[in-house]
């Protein structure tokens, strides 16, 4: 199941004796939903910006292509103005090339920034997952204070010995990883 803000907000949990506080779970899910919504909107904005920059590059390539065609027509139509046209075209080509290089450099920089933003988002996601695991671990310890957790094992492995509380932490983390 792919997570989205609505699926997080509307997630229902079964109730068990000594289970989690429903209000706290709902509040926490609302916070996660807001963060996911923010990240989705930011991702859409970055995708839109990438598309816009790609379209600009294509437009400038088309301009350069049209300039080359104009040069050929001018050479065919007038033998007297060949030298003049060639000089004008060279200037235009150099300007177009400078502009194209600037656009390409800007696009490369934007792509680099987008890649950095993606890496930052991935790091934020990993941090959120780590925080969730820490919160869940803390919650379990609050529920079962006498239980001594083995830090070399996963939460699920630690909870196998606890018959009255079953939490599928790996499924929660996996569903967050799939996002």
N, C-alpha and C. Protein backbone atom coordinates (compact mmCIF):
# COMPACT_ATOMS: atom_id res chain seq x y z
N UNK A 1 0.86 -1.19 0.00
CA UNK A 1 0.00 0.00 0.00
C UNK A 1 0.89 1.23 0.00
N UNK A 2 0.66 2.12 -0.92
CA UNK A 2 1.42 3.36 -1.01
C UNK A 2 0.85 4.36 -0.02
N UNK A 3 1.75 5.00 0.72
CA UNK A 3 1.30 5.96 1.73
C UNK A 3 1.04 7.32 1.12
N UNK A 4 0.02 7.94 1.60
CA UNK A 4 -0.25 9.33 1.27
C UNK A 4 -0.86 9.96 2.52
N UNK A 5 -0.96 11.28 2.57
CA UNK A 5 -1.45 11.92 3.79
C UNK A 5 -2.80 11.39 4.25
N UNK A 6 -3.71 11.13 3.33
CA UNK A 6 -5.03 10.64 3.74
C UNK A 6 -4.96 9.23 4.30
N UNK A 7 -4.15 8.35 3.69
CA UNK A 7 -4.07 6.98 4.20
C UNK A 7 -3.43 6.96 5.58
N UNK A 8 -2.52 7.88 5.83
CA UNK A 8 -1.90 7.96 7.17
C UNK A 8 -2.93 8.47 8.18
N UNK A 9 -3.64 9.55 7.84
CA UNK A 9 -4.61 10.13 8.77
C UNK A 9 -5.75 9.15 9.07
N UNK A 10 -6.14 8.35 8.08
CA UNK A 10 -7.29 7.47 8.24
C UNK A 10 -6.90 6.06 8.69
N UNK A 11 -5.63 5.81 8.97
CA UNK A 11 -5.19 4.49 9.39
C UNK A 11 -5.85 4.12 10.71
N UNK A 12 -6.39 2.93 10.78
CA UNK A 12 -7.05 2.44 11.99
C UNK A 12 -6.20 1.32 12.57
N UNK A 13 -6.18 1.21 13.88
CA UNK A 13 -5.43 0.17 14.57
C UNK A 13 -6.40 -0.61 15.46
N UNK A 14 -6.12 -1.90 15.60
CA UNK A 14 -6.96 -2.67 16.51
C UNK A 14 -6.57 -2.32 17.94
N UNK A 15 -7.54 -2.43 18.83
CA UNK A 15 -7.29 -2.08 20.23
C UNK A 15 -6.99 -3.35 21.03
N UNK A 16 -6.03 -3.27 21.88
CA UNK A 16 -5.61 -4.38 22.74
C UNK A 16 -5.49 -3.85 24.17
N UNK A 17 -5.53 -4.72 25.08
CA UNK A 17 -5.29 -4.33 26.47
C UNK A 17 -3.86 -3.82 26.55
N UNK A 18 -3.68 -2.75 27.26
CA UNK A 18 -2.36 -2.11 27.40
C UNK A 18 -1.84 -1.63 26.04
N UNK A 19 -2.73 -1.31 25.12
CA UNK A 19 -2.33 -0.84 23.79
C UNK A 19 -1.89 0.61 23.84
N UNK A 20 -1.62 1.15 22.68
CA UNK A 20 -1.19 2.54 22.58
C UNK A 20 -2.36 3.48 22.86
N UNK A 21 -2.03 4.66 23.29
CA UNK A 21 -3.03 5.70 23.52
C UNK A 21 -3.54 6.15 22.15
N UNK A 22 -4.83 5.96 21.86
CA UNK A 22 -5.37 6.31 20.54
C UNK A 22 -5.17 7.78 20.19
N UNK A 23 -5.26 8.66 21.15
CA UNK A 23 -5.09 10.09 20.88
C UNK A 23 -3.65 10.37 20.44
N UNK A 24 -2.70 9.74 21.16
CA UNK A 24 -1.30 9.96 20.79
C UNK A 24 -1.00 9.38 19.40
N UNK A 25 -1.53 8.21 19.12
CA UNK A 25 -1.32 7.60 17.80
C UNK A 25 -1.91 8.50 16.73
N UNK A 26 -3.14 9.00 16.93
CA UNK A 26 -3.80 9.87 15.95
C UNK A 26 -2.99 11.16 15.75
N UNK A 27 -2.53 11.76 16.85
CA UNK A 27 -1.74 12.99 16.75
C UNK A 27 -0.45 12.73 15.98
N UNK A 28 0.19 11.62 16.29
CA UNK A 28 1.43 11.30 15.61
C UNK A 28 1.19 11.04 14.13
N UNK A 29 0.15 10.31 13.79
CA UNK A 29 -0.18 10.05 12.39
C UNK A 29 -0.50 11.35 11.66
N UNK A 30 -1.18 12.27 12.32
CA UNK A 30 -1.48 13.57 11.70
C UNK A 30 -0.19 14.32 11.39
N UNK A 31 0.77 14.26 12.32
CA UNK A 31 2.05 14.94 12.08
C UNK A 31 2.78 14.30 10.90
N UNK A 32 2.77 12.98 10.85
CA UNK A 32 3.42 12.28 9.74
C UNK A 32 2.72 12.64 8.43
N UNK A 33 1.39 12.66 8.44
CA UNK A 33 0.63 12.99 7.23
C UNK A 33 0.96 14.39 6.74
N UNK A 34 1.09 15.33 7.66
CA UNK A 34 1.45 16.69 7.26
C UNK A 34 2.84 16.72 6.62
N UNK A 35 3.78 16.00 7.21
CA UNK A 35 5.14 15.98 6.67
C UNK A 35 5.17 15.31 5.30
N UNK A 36 4.46 14.21 5.15
CA UNK A 36 4.39 13.52 3.86
C UNK A 36 3.75 14.44 2.82
N UNK A 37 2.66 15.12 3.21
CA UNK A 37 2.00 16.05 2.29
C UNK A 37 2.97 17.15 1.86
N UNK A 38 3.72 17.68 2.81
CA UNK A 38 4.71 18.73 2.49
C UNK A 38 5.76 18.19 1.52
N UNK A 39 6.27 16.99 1.79
CA UNK A 39 7.30 16.41 0.94
C UNK A 39 6.76 16.11 -0.46
N UNK A 40 5.52 15.65 -0.54
CA UNK A 40 4.91 15.39 -1.85
C UNK A 40 4.75 16.67 -2.66
N UNK A 41 4.29 17.74 -1.98
CA UNK A 41 4.14 19.01 -2.70
C UNK A 41 5.49 19.54 -3.15
N UNK A 42 6.49 19.42 -2.31
CA UNK A 42 7.83 19.89 -2.68
C UNK A 42 8.39 19.07 -3.84
N UNK A 43 8.16 17.77 -3.81
CA UNK A 43 8.61 16.90 -4.90
C UNK A 43 7.92 17.28 -6.21
N UNK A 44 6.62 17.55 -6.17
CA UNK A 44 5.89 17.95 -7.37
C UNK A 44 6.44 19.28 -7.91
N UNK A 45 6.75 20.19 -7.01
CA UNK A 45 7.32 21.48 -7.43
C UNK A 45 8.66 21.26 -8.14
N UNK A 46 9.49 20.39 -7.58
CA UNK A 46 10.80 20.13 -8.19
C UNK A 46 10.65 19.44 -9.54
N UNK A 47 9.70 18.53 -9.65
CA UNK A 47 9.45 17.88 -10.94
C UNK A 47 8.99 18.91 -11.97
N UNK A 48 8.13 19.81 -11.55
CA UNK A 48 7.62 20.85 -12.45
C UNK A 48 8.76 21.73 -12.93
N UNK A 49 9.64 22.09 -12.02
CA UNK A 49 10.77 22.95 -12.36
C UNK A 49 11.70 22.24 -13.35
N UNK A 50 11.92 20.94 -13.14
CA UNK A 50 12.77 20.16 -14.05
C UNK A 50 12.16 20.13 -15.44
N UNK A 51 10.86 19.93 -15.52
CA UNK A 51 10.18 19.90 -16.82
C UNK A 51 10.30 21.25 -17.51
N UNK A 52 10.10 22.30 -16.75
CA UNK A 52 10.18 23.66 -17.31
C UNK A 52 11.58 23.92 -17.87
N UNK A 53 12.61 23.53 -17.14
CA UNK A 53 13.99 23.75 -17.60
C UNK A 53 14.29 22.90 -18.85
N UNK A 54 13.78 21.69 -18.88
CA UNK A 54 13.97 20.84 -20.06
C UNK A 54 13.31 21.46 -21.29
N UNK A 55 12.12 22.02 -21.11
CA UNK A 55 11.44 22.68 -22.22
C UNK A 55 12.22 23.90 -22.71
N UNK A 56 12.80 24.63 -21.79
CA UNK A 56 13.61 25.79 -22.18
C UNK A 56 14.82 25.35 -23.00
N UNK A 57 15.46 24.28 -22.58
CA UNK A 57 16.63 23.78 -23.32
C UNK A 57 16.22 23.38 -24.73
N UNK A 58 15.09 22.67 -24.86
CA UNK A 58 14.60 22.28 -26.18
C UNK A 58 14.30 23.49 -27.04
N UNK A 59 13.73 24.51 -26.43
CA UNK A 59 13.42 25.74 -27.16
C UNK A 59 14.70 26.38 -27.71
N UNK A 60 15.73 26.43 -26.90
CA UNK A 60 16.99 27.04 -27.36
C UNK A 60 17.67 26.18 -28.42
N UNK A 61 17.53 24.86 -28.31
CA UNK A 61 18.07 24.00 -29.35
C UNK A 61 17.34 24.24 -30.67
N UNK A 62 16.04 24.44 -30.58
CA UNK A 62 15.25 24.72 -31.79
C UNK A 62 15.67 26.06 -32.39
N UNK A 63 15.92 27.04 -31.54
CA UNK A 63 16.39 28.34 -32.03
C UNK A 63 17.72 28.18 -32.75
N UNK A 64 18.63 27.40 -32.17
CA UNK A 64 19.93 27.18 -32.79
C UNK A 64 19.76 26.47 -34.14
N UNK A 65 18.88 25.49 -34.18
CA UNK A 65 18.60 24.75 -35.42
C UNK A 65 18.04 25.70 -36.48
N UNK A 66 17.12 26.57 -36.08
CA UNK A 66 16.54 27.53 -37.02
C UNK A 66 17.60 28.51 -37.54
N UNK A 67 18.52 28.88 -36.69
CA UNK A 67 19.59 29.78 -37.10
C UNK A 67 20.48 29.13 -38.16
N UNK A 68 20.75 27.85 -38.00
CA UNK A 68 21.55 27.14 -38.99
C UNK A 68 20.83 27.07 -40.34
N UNK A 69 19.51 26.84 -40.32
CA UNK A 69 18.73 26.80 -41.56
C UNK A 69 18.73 28.18 -42.23
N UNK A 70 18.62 29.23 -41.44
CA UNK A 70 18.63 30.59 -41.98
C UNK A 70 19.94 30.88 -42.69
N UNK A 71 21.02 30.42 -42.14
CA UNK A 71 22.33 30.61 -42.75
C UNK A 71 22.39 29.96 -44.14
N UNK A 72 21.88 28.75 -44.25
CA UNK A 72 21.91 28.06 -45.55
C UNK A 72 21.05 28.78 -46.59
N UNK A 73 19.87 29.26 -46.23
CA UNK A 73 19.01 29.97 -47.17
C UNK A 73 19.65 31.28 -47.63
N UNK A 74 20.29 31.96 -46.71
CA UNK A 74 20.93 33.23 -47.07
C UNK A 74 22.07 33.01 -48.06
N UNK A 75 22.82 31.93 -47.91
CA UNK A 75 23.92 31.62 -48.84
C UNK A 75 23.38 31.31 -50.23
N UNK A 76 22.24 30.63 -50.32
CA UNK A 76 21.66 30.26 -51.60
C UNK A 76 21.06 31.48 -52.32
N UNK A 77 20.48 32.41 -51.58
CA UNK A 77 19.76 33.53 -52.18
C UNK A 77 20.65 34.69 -52.66
N UNK A 78 21.78 34.86 -52.06
CA UNK A 78 22.58 36.04 -52.44
C UNK A 78 24.07 35.75 -52.35
N UNK A 79 24.73 35.77 -53.51
CA UNK A 79 26.17 35.53 -53.52
C UNK A 79 26.94 36.76 -53.04
N UNK A 80 26.34 37.97 -53.22
CA UNK A 80 27.03 39.20 -52.80
C UNK A 80 27.03 39.35 -51.28
N UNK A 81 25.98 38.88 -50.64
CA UNK A 81 25.86 39.11 -49.19
C UNK A 81 26.35 37.92 -48.36
N UNK A 82 27.05 36.98 -49.00
CA UNK A 82 27.51 35.78 -48.29
C UNK A 82 28.42 36.15 -47.13
N UNK A 83 29.39 37.00 -47.39
CA UNK A 83 30.34 37.34 -46.34
C UNK A 83 29.66 38.09 -45.20
N UNK A 84 28.78 39.02 -45.56
CA UNK A 84 28.05 39.78 -44.55
C UNK A 84 27.15 38.86 -43.71
N UNK A 85 26.44 38.00 -44.42
CA UNK A 85 25.55 37.07 -43.74
C UNK A 85 26.32 36.11 -42.84
N UNK A 86 27.46 35.65 -43.33
CA UNK A 86 28.29 34.73 -42.56
C UNK A 86 28.74 35.39 -41.25
N UNK A 87 29.17 36.66 -41.35
CA UNK A 87 29.62 37.35 -40.14
C UNK A 87 28.46 37.54 -39.16
N UNK A 88 27.31 37.94 -39.70
CA UNK A 88 26.14 38.14 -38.83
C UNK A 88 25.72 36.81 -38.18
N UNK A 89 25.75 35.78 -38.97
CA UNK A 89 25.34 34.47 -38.46
C UNK A 89 26.32 33.96 -37.41
N UNK A 90 27.61 34.20 -37.67
CA UNK A 90 28.61 33.78 -36.69
C UNK A 90 28.37 34.48 -35.35
N UNK A 91 28.08 35.78 -35.43
CA UNK A 91 27.80 36.52 -34.20
C UNK A 91 26.56 35.93 -33.50
N UNK A 92 25.52 35.70 -34.31
CA UNK A 92 24.29 35.14 -33.75
C UNK A 92 24.54 33.75 -33.17
N UNK A 93 25.34 32.94 -33.89
CA UNK A 93 25.65 31.60 -33.41
C UNK A 93 26.44 31.65 -32.11
N UNK A 94 27.39 32.58 -32.07
CA UNK A 94 28.18 32.71 -30.84
C UNK A 94 27.29 33.14 -29.68
N UNK A 95 26.40 34.09 -29.95
CA UNK A 95 25.47 34.52 -28.90
C UNK A 95 24.55 33.38 -28.49
N UNK A 96 24.04 32.68 -29.49
CA UNK A 96 23.16 31.54 -29.20
C UNK A 96 23.93 30.47 -28.43
N UNK A 97 25.18 30.24 -28.82
CA UNK A 97 25.99 29.25 -28.14
C UNK A 97 26.27 29.68 -26.70
N UNK A 98 26.58 30.98 -26.53
CA UNK A 98 26.81 31.50 -25.18
C UNK A 98 25.55 31.33 -24.34
N UNK A 99 24.39 31.71 -24.95
CA UNK A 99 23.12 31.55 -24.24
C UNK A 99 22.85 30.08 -23.96
N UNK A 100 23.08 29.24 -24.96
CA UNK A 100 22.84 27.81 -24.79
C UNK A 100 23.75 27.25 -23.70
N UNK A 101 25.01 27.66 -23.72
CA UNK A 101 25.94 27.22 -22.68
C UNK A 101 25.50 27.70 -21.31
N UNK A 102 25.02 28.95 -21.26
CA UNK A 102 24.52 29.47 -19.99
C UNK A 102 23.31 28.66 -19.52
N UNK A 103 22.42 28.38 -20.45
CA UNK A 103 21.22 27.60 -20.11
C UNK A 103 21.61 26.20 -19.67
N UNK A 104 22.55 25.60 -20.40
CA UNK A 104 23.00 24.26 -20.05
C UNK A 104 23.65 24.27 -18.66
N UNK A 105 24.47 25.27 -18.42
CA UNK A 105 25.11 25.38 -17.10
C UNK A 105 24.07 25.58 -16.01
N UNK A 106 23.09 26.46 -16.31
CA UNK A 106 22.01 26.67 -15.33
C UNK A 106 21.22 25.39 -15.11
N UNK A 107 20.95 24.68 -16.20
CA UNK A 107 20.21 23.42 -16.09
C UNK A 107 21.02 22.39 -15.29
N UNK A 108 22.34 22.34 -15.54
CA UNK A 108 23.18 21.42 -14.78
C UNK A 108 23.16 21.78 -13.30
N UNK A 109 23.23 23.08 -13.02
CA UNK A 109 23.19 23.52 -11.62
C UNK A 109 21.85 23.18 -10.99
N UNK A 110 20.77 23.42 -11.75
CA UNK A 110 19.43 23.08 -11.24
C UNK A 110 19.34 21.57 -11.01
N UNK A 111 19.88 20.79 -11.95
CA UNK A 111 19.85 19.33 -11.79
C UNK A 111 20.65 18.91 -10.56
N UNK A 112 21.78 19.57 -10.36
CA UNK A 112 22.60 19.28 -9.18
C UNK A 112 21.81 19.62 -7.92
N UNK A 113 21.15 20.77 -7.92
CA UNK A 113 20.34 21.16 -6.77
C UNK A 113 19.19 20.19 -6.55
N UNK A 114 18.57 19.74 -7.64
CA UNK A 114 17.48 18.76 -7.53
C UNK A 114 18.00 17.45 -6.95
N UNK A 115 19.17 17.02 -7.43
CA UNK A 115 19.76 15.80 -6.89
C UNK A 115 20.06 15.95 -5.40
N UNK A 116 20.59 17.11 -5.03
CA UNK A 116 20.86 17.37 -3.62
C UNK A 116 19.55 17.38 -2.83
N UNK A 117 18.52 17.99 -3.41
CA UNK A 117 17.22 18.01 -2.73
C UNK A 117 16.66 16.60 -2.57
N UNK A 118 16.84 15.78 -3.61
CA UNK A 118 16.38 14.39 -3.53
C UNK A 118 17.14 13.64 -2.44
N UNK A 119 18.46 13.85 -2.41
CA UNK A 119 19.26 13.20 -1.36
C UNK A 119 18.83 13.68 0.02
N UNK A 120 18.57 14.98 0.12
CA UNK A 120 18.10 15.52 1.41
C UNK A 120 16.77 14.91 1.79
N UNK A 121 15.88 14.77 0.82
CA UNK A 121 14.57 14.16 1.11
C UNK A 121 14.73 12.71 1.54
N UNK A 122 15.66 12.01 0.88
CA UNK A 122 15.90 10.62 1.26
C UNK A 122 16.47 10.55 2.68
N UNK A 123 17.39 11.47 2.99
CA UNK A 123 17.94 11.52 4.34
C UNK A 123 16.86 11.85 5.36
N UNK A 124 15.98 12.79 5.01
CA UNK A 124 14.87 13.13 5.90
C UNK A 124 13.96 11.93 6.11
N UNK A 125 13.70 11.19 5.04
CA UNK A 125 12.85 10.00 5.15
C UNK A 125 13.50 8.99 6.09
N UNK A 126 14.81 8.75 5.89
CA UNK A 126 15.53 7.81 6.76
C UNK A 126 15.52 8.28 8.21
N UNK A 127 15.66 9.59 8.41
CA UNK A 127 15.62 10.15 9.75
C UNK A 127 14.24 9.95 10.37
N UNK A 128 13.19 10.17 9.59
CA UNK A 128 11.83 9.97 10.09
C UNK A 128 11.63 8.51 10.48
N UNK A 129 12.13 7.59 9.64
CA UNK A 129 12.00 6.17 9.95
C UNK A 129 12.75 5.84 11.25
N UNK A 130 13.95 6.37 11.38
CA UNK A 130 14.73 6.13 12.60
C UNK A 130 14.01 6.71 13.82
N UNK A 131 13.43 7.90 13.65
CA UNK A 131 12.68 8.50 14.76
C UNK A 131 11.47 7.67 15.12
N UNK A 132 10.78 7.16 14.09
CA UNK A 132 9.61 6.30 14.34
C UNK A 132 10.03 5.05 15.11
N UNK A 133 11.13 4.44 14.69
CA UNK A 133 11.59 3.26 15.40
C UNK A 133 11.95 3.60 16.85
N UNK A 134 12.60 4.74 17.04
CA UNK A 134 12.95 5.16 18.40
C UNK A 134 11.70 5.42 19.23
N UNK A 135 10.71 6.08 18.63
CA UNK A 135 9.47 6.37 19.34
C UNK A 135 8.76 5.07 19.70
N UNK A 136 8.69 4.15 18.74
CA UNK A 136 8.03 2.88 19.01
C UNK A 136 8.78 2.10 20.09
N UNK A 137 10.09 2.13 20.03
CA UNK A 137 10.89 1.46 21.04
C UNK A 137 10.61 2.07 22.42
N UNK A 138 10.56 3.40 22.47
CA UNK A 138 10.28 4.10 23.73
C UNK A 138 8.89 3.75 24.23
N UNK A 139 7.91 3.72 23.32
CA UNK A 139 6.54 3.39 23.70
C UNK A 139 6.47 1.98 24.28
N UNK A 140 7.14 1.04 23.63
CA UNK A 140 7.12 -0.34 24.12
C UNK A 140 7.79 -0.40 25.49
N UNK A 141 8.86 0.32 25.65
CA UNK A 141 9.54 0.33 26.97
C UNK A 141 8.66 0.98 28.04
N UNK A 142 7.86 1.95 27.63
CA UNK A 142 6.94 2.58 28.59
C UNK A 142 5.85 1.59 28.98
N UNK A 143 5.42 0.79 28.03
CA UNK A 143 4.35 -0.19 28.29
C UNK A 143 4.91 -1.36 29.10
N UNK A 144 6.12 -1.76 28.80
CA UNK A 144 6.72 -2.93 29.46
C UNK A 144 8.05 -2.49 30.07
N UNK A 145 8.04 -1.71 31.14
CA UNK A 145 9.30 -1.18 31.68
C UNK A 145 10.23 -2.27 32.22
N UNK A 146 9.68 -3.39 32.66
CA UNK A 146 10.53 -4.42 33.24
C UNK A 146 11.23 -5.27 32.19
N UNK A 147 10.80 -5.16 30.98
CA UNK A 147 11.39 -5.97 29.91
C UNK A 147 12.73 -5.38 29.50
N UNK A 148 13.78 -6.19 29.47
CA UNK A 148 15.12 -5.73 29.11
C UNK A 148 15.36 -6.07 27.64
N UNK A 149 15.47 -5.05 26.81
CA UNK A 149 15.63 -5.26 25.38
C UNK A 149 17.09 -5.55 25.04
N UNK A 150 17.27 -6.48 24.12
CA UNK A 150 18.59 -6.79 23.57
C UNK A 150 18.81 -5.85 22.38
N UNK A 151 19.74 -4.91 22.50
CA UNK A 151 19.93 -3.89 21.47
C UNK A 151 20.50 -4.44 20.18
N UNK A 152 20.98 -5.69 20.21
CA UNK A 152 21.49 -6.29 18.97
C UNK A 152 20.38 -6.92 18.15
N UNK A 153 19.17 -7.00 18.73
CA UNK A 153 18.03 -7.59 18.02
C UNK A 153 17.07 -6.49 17.58
N UNK A 154 16.23 -6.84 16.62
CA UNK A 154 15.19 -5.91 16.18
C UNK A 154 14.10 -5.86 17.24
N UNK A 155 13.25 -4.84 17.15
CA UNK A 155 12.14 -4.71 18.09
C UNK A 155 11.25 -5.94 17.99
N UNK A 156 11.00 -6.41 16.78
CA UNK A 156 10.13 -7.58 16.59
C UNK A 156 10.73 -8.81 17.27
N UNK A 157 12.05 -9.02 17.16
CA UNK A 157 12.68 -10.16 17.81
C UNK A 157 12.58 -10.03 19.32
N UNK A 158 12.73 -8.83 19.84
CA UNK A 158 12.60 -8.60 21.27
C UNK A 158 11.18 -8.88 21.76
N UNK A 159 10.21 -8.58 20.92
CA UNK A 159 8.81 -8.72 21.34
C UNK A 159 8.28 -10.14 21.18
N UNK A 160 9.04 -11.04 20.58
CA UNK A 160 8.56 -12.41 20.40
C UNK A 160 8.29 -13.08 21.74
N UNK A 161 9.01 -12.70 22.77
CA UNK A 161 8.82 -13.29 24.09
C UNK A 161 7.67 -12.66 24.86
N UNK A 162 7.10 -11.60 24.33
CA UNK A 162 6.01 -10.91 25.03
C UNK A 162 4.71 -11.34 24.36
N UNK A 163 3.94 -12.21 25.04
CA UNK A 163 2.74 -12.79 24.45
C UNK A 163 1.57 -11.82 24.38
N UNK A 164 1.46 -10.88 25.30
CA UNK A 164 0.26 -10.04 25.35
C UNK A 164 0.36 -8.79 24.49
N UNK A 165 1.45 -8.58 23.77
CA UNK A 165 1.58 -7.40 22.91
C UNK A 165 2.29 -7.81 21.64
N UNK A 166 1.62 -7.61 20.49
CA UNK A 166 2.22 -7.98 19.20
C UNK A 166 2.17 -6.77 18.30
N UNK A 167 3.35 -6.32 17.88
CA UNK A 167 3.45 -5.15 16.99
C UNK A 167 4.31 -5.56 15.80
N UNK A 168 3.85 -5.29 14.62
CA UNK A 168 4.61 -5.62 13.43
C UNK A 168 5.38 -4.39 12.97
N UNK A 169 6.48 -4.11 13.65
CA UNK A 169 7.29 -2.92 13.37
C UNK A 169 7.85 -2.98 11.95
N UNK A 170 8.31 -4.14 11.53
CA UNK A 170 8.91 -4.24 10.19
C UNK A 170 7.93 -3.85 9.10
N UNK A 171 6.64 -4.21 9.25
CA UNK A 171 5.65 -3.83 8.24
C UNK A 171 5.47 -2.31 8.21
N UNK A 172 5.49 -1.68 9.37
CA UNK A 172 5.35 -0.22 9.41
C UNK A 172 6.56 0.43 8.73
N UNK A 173 7.76 -0.04 9.06
CA UNK A 173 8.98 0.52 8.47
C UNK A 173 9.01 0.23 6.98
N UNK A 174 8.61 -0.99 6.57
CA UNK A 174 8.59 -1.34 5.16
C UNK A 174 7.63 -0.45 4.38
N UNK A 175 6.45 -0.20 4.97
CA UNK A 175 5.49 0.66 4.26
C UNK A 175 6.03 2.08 4.14
N UNK A 176 6.79 2.54 5.13
CA UNK A 176 7.41 3.87 5.02
C UNK A 176 8.54 3.85 3.99
N UNK A 177 9.30 2.75 3.92
CA UNK A 177 10.36 2.63 2.92
C UNK A 177 9.79 2.64 1.51
N UNK A 178 8.62 2.03 1.33
CA UNK A 178 8.01 1.98 0.01
C UNK A 178 7.57 3.36 -0.46
N UNK A 179 7.40 4.26 0.42
CA UNK A 179 7.00 5.63 0.08
C UNK A 179 8.19 6.29 -0.52
